[in-house]
Amino acid sequence: MGKILAFLSEAKAELLRVNWPTKKQVTDYTLLVAAISIGMAVFLGGLDLLFSSLVERYLIK
């Protein structure tokens, strides 16, 4: 039982030392990740459309 209490005490002490991000930082980073994800999806979707049309035009005929 003593080891469990020591672990919980040390875990609490570590969590108090963590430099937590502010609400604005979390919001900014979330929007950045969402924008990059959408941008990559559009880019990769465009490449897929391009290559699909090239394959249909020149290989499948």
N, C-alpha and C. Protein backbone atom coordinates (compact mmCIF):
# COMPACT_ATOMS: atom_id res chain seq x y z
N MET A 1 0.83 -1.20 0.00
CA MET A 1 0.00 0.00 0.00
C MET A 1 0.87 1.26 0.00
N GLY A 2 2.01 1.17 0.65
CA GLY A 2 2.89 2.32 0.73
C GLY A 2 3.47 2.71 -0.62
N LYS A 3 3.75 1.69 -1.46
CA LYS A 3 4.31 1.97 -2.78
C LYS A 3 3.29 2.68 -3.66
N ILE A 4 2.04 2.27 -3.53
CA ILE A 4 0.98 2.90 -4.33
C ILE A 4 0.83 4.36 -3.94
N LEU A 5 0.81 4.64 -2.65
CA LEU A 5 0.69 6.02 -2.18
C LEU A 5 1.90 6.86 -2.59
N ALA A 6 3.08 6.27 -2.56
CA ALA A 6 4.29 6.98 -2.97
C ALA A 6 4.22 7.30 -4.47
N PHE A 7 3.75 6.31 -5.25
CA PHE A 7 3.62 6.55 -6.68
C PHE A 7 2.64 7.67 -6.96
N LEU A 8 1.48 7.64 -6.32
CA LEU A 8 0.47 8.68 -6.55
C LEU A 8 0.98 10.05 -6.12
N SER A 9 1.71 10.10 -5.03
CA SER A 9 2.28 11.36 -4.56
C SER A 9 3.30 11.91 -5.56
N GLU A 10 4.16 11.03 -6.09
CA GLU A 10 5.15 11.46 -7.07
C GLU A 10 4.50 11.87 -8.39
N ALA A 11 3.45 11.15 -8.78
CA ALA A 11 2.74 11.50 -10.01
C ALA A 11 2.09 12.88 -9.89
N LYS A 12 1.50 13.14 -8.74
CA LYS A 12 0.89 14.46 -8.51
C LYS A 12 1.95 15.56 -8.56
N ALA A 13 3.11 15.31 -7.95
CA ALA A 13 4.18 16.30 -7.94
C ALA A 13 4.66 16.58 -9.37
N GLU A 14 4.77 15.54 -10.20
CA GLU A 14 5.18 15.72 -11.59
C GLU A 14 4.15 16.51 -12.37
N LEU A 15 2.88 16.22 -12.17
CA LEU A 15 1.82 16.94 -12.89
C LEU A 15 1.78 18.42 -12.51
N LEU A 16 2.17 18.74 -11.30
CA LEU A 16 2.21 20.14 -10.90
C LEU A 16 3.36 20.89 -11.57
N ARG A 17 4.39 20.17 -12.00
CA ARG A 17 5.54 20.81 -12.66
C ARG A 17 5.37 20.94 -14.18
N VAL A 18 4.34 20.31 -14.72
CA VAL A 18 4.13 20.35 -16.17
C VAL A 18 3.76 21.76 -16.59
N ASN A 19 4.33 22.20 -17.71
CA ASN A 19 3.99 23.51 -18.27
C ASN A 19 2.82 23.32 -19.23
N TRP A 20 1.60 23.47 -18.70
CA TRP A 20 0.40 23.22 -19.49
C TRP A 20 0.17 24.37 -20.47
N PRO A 21 -0.29 24.07 -21.70
CA PRO A 21 -0.58 25.14 -22.66
C PRO A 21 -1.82 25.93 -22.24
N THR A 22 -1.86 27.18 -22.69
CA THR A 22 -3.02 28.00 -22.40
C THR A 22 -4.18 27.60 -23.32
N LYS A 23 -5.35 28.10 -23.00
CA LYS A 23 -6.53 27.79 -23.82
C LYS A 23 -6.35 28.32 -25.24
N LYS A 24 -5.74 29.50 -25.37
CA LYS A 24 -5.51 30.09 -26.69
C LYS A 24 -4.52 29.24 -27.49
N GLN A 25 -3.48 28.75 -26.84
CA GLN A 25 -2.51 27.90 -27.54
C GLN A 25 -3.17 26.62 -28.04
N VAL A 26 -3.99 26.00 -27.20
CA VAL A 26 -4.67 24.77 -27.60
C VAL A 26 -5.59 25.04 -28.78
N THR A 27 -6.32 26.15 -28.73
CA THR A 27 -7.22 26.50 -29.83
C THR A 27 -6.43 26.76 -31.11
N ASP A 28 -5.35 27.52 -31.01
CA ASP A 28 -4.53 27.83 -32.18
C ASP A 28 -3.93 26.57 -32.80
N TYR A 29 -3.40 25.69 -31.97
CA TYR A 29 -2.79 24.46 -32.47
C TYR A 29 -3.84 23.54 -33.09
N THR A 30 -5.03 23.50 -32.48
CA THR A 30 -6.11 22.67 -33.03
C THR A 30 -6.53 23.18 -34.40
N LEU A 31 -6.67 24.49 -34.54
CA LEU A 31 -7.04 25.06 -35.83
C LEU A 31 -5.94 24.84 -36.87
N LEU A 32 -4.69 24.93 -36.45
CA LEU A 32 -3.57 24.69 -37.36
C LEU A 32 -3.57 23.25 -37.85
N VAL A 33 -3.76 22.31 -36.96
CA VAL A 33 -3.80 20.90 -37.35
C VAL A 33 -4.98 20.63 -38.28
N ALA A 34 -6.14 21.21 -37.99
CA ALA A 34 -7.32 21.02 -38.84
C ALA A 34 -7.07 21.61 -40.23
N ALA A 35 -6.48 22.80 -40.30
CA ALA A 35 -6.22 23.44 -41.59
C ALA A 35 -5.21 22.64 -42.41
N ILE A 36 -4.16 22.16 -41.77
CA ILE A 36 -3.16 21.35 -42.49
C ILE A 36 -3.80 20.05 -42.97
N SER A 37 -4.63 19.44 -42.15
CA SER A 37 -5.29 18.19 -42.53
C SER A 37 -6.21 18.39 -43.72
N ILE A 38 -6.98 19.47 -43.69
CA ILE A 38 -7.88 19.75 -44.82
C ILE A 38 -7.08 20.07 -46.07
N GLY A 39 -6.02 20.85 -45.92
CA GLY A 39 -5.17 21.17 -47.06
C GLY A 39 -4.54 19.93 -47.68
N MET A 40 -4.05 19.03 -46.85
CA MET A 40 -3.46 17.79 -47.37
C MET A 40 -4.52 16.92 -48.03
N ALA A 41 -5.71 16.88 -47.48
CA ALA A 41 -6.79 16.09 -48.08
C ALA A 41 -7.16 16.62 -49.46
N VAL A 42 -7.24 17.94 -49.58
CA VAL A 42 -7.55 18.55 -50.88
C VAL A 42 -6.41 18.28 -51.87
N PHE A 43 -5.18 18.44 -51.43
CA PHE A 43 -4.02 18.21 -52.30
C PHE A 43 -3.97 16.76 -52.78
N LEU A 44 -4.11 15.81 -51.85
CA LEU A 44 -4.05 14.41 -52.23
C LEU A 44 -5.26 14.00 -53.06
N GLY A 45 -6.41 14.57 -52.76
CA GLY A 45 -7.59 14.31 -53.58
C GLY A 45 -7.41 14.82 -55.00
N GLY A 46 -6.79 15.98 -55.13
CA GLY A 46 -6.50 16.53 -56.47
C GLY A 46 -5.53 15.66 -57.24
N LEU A 47 -4.48 15.18 -56.57
CA LEU A 47 -3.55 14.27 -57.22
C LEU A 47 -4.24 12.98 -57.65
N ASP A 48 -5.09 12.46 -56.82
CA ASP A 48 -5.82 11.24 -57.15
C ASP A 48 -6.71 11.46 -58.37
N LEU A 49 -7.39 12.57 -58.40
CA LEU A 49 -8.25 12.90 -59.54
C LEU A 49 -7.42 13.04 -60.81
N LEU A 50 -6.29 13.73 -60.72
CA LEU A 50 -5.41 13.91 -61.87
C LEU A 50 -4.89 12.58 -62.39
N PHE A 51 -4.34 11.76 -61.51
CA PHE A 51 -3.78 10.49 -61.95
C PHE A 51 -4.87 9.53 -62.44
N SER A 52 -6.04 9.57 -61.84
CA SER A 52 -7.14 8.73 -62.32
C SER A 52 -7.53 9.10 -63.74
N SER A 53 -7.62 10.41 -63.99
CA SER A 53 -8.00 10.84 -65.34
C SER A 53 -6.90 10.52 -66.35
N LEU A 54 -5.63 10.63 -65.94
CA LEU A 54 -4.53 10.28 -66.84
C LEU A 54 -4.53 8.78 -67.16
N VAL A 55 -4.76 7.95 -66.17
CA VAL A 55 -4.81 6.51 -66.40
C VAL A 55 -5.98 6.15 -67.31
N GLU A 56 -7.13 6.73 -67.06
CA GLU A 56 -8.30 6.45 -67.91
C GLU A 56 -8.07 6.92 -69.34
N ARG A 57 -7.42 8.06 -69.53
CA ARG A 57 -7.24 8.63 -70.85
C ARG A 57 -6.17 7.88 -71.65
N TYR A 58 -5.05 7.55 -71.02
CA TYR A 58 -3.91 7.01 -71.79
C TYR A 58 -3.70 5.51 -71.64
N LEU A 59 -4.18 4.90 -70.58
CA LEU A 59 -3.94 3.47 -70.39
C LEU A 59 -5.15 2.61 -70.66
N ILE A 60 -6.30 3.05 -70.26
CA ILE A 60 -7.50 2.24 -70.41
C ILE A 60 -8.16 2.42 -71.78
N LYS A 61 -8.15 3.59 -72.28
CA LYS A 61 -8.74 3.97 -73.58
C LYS A 61 -10.10 3.37 -73.73
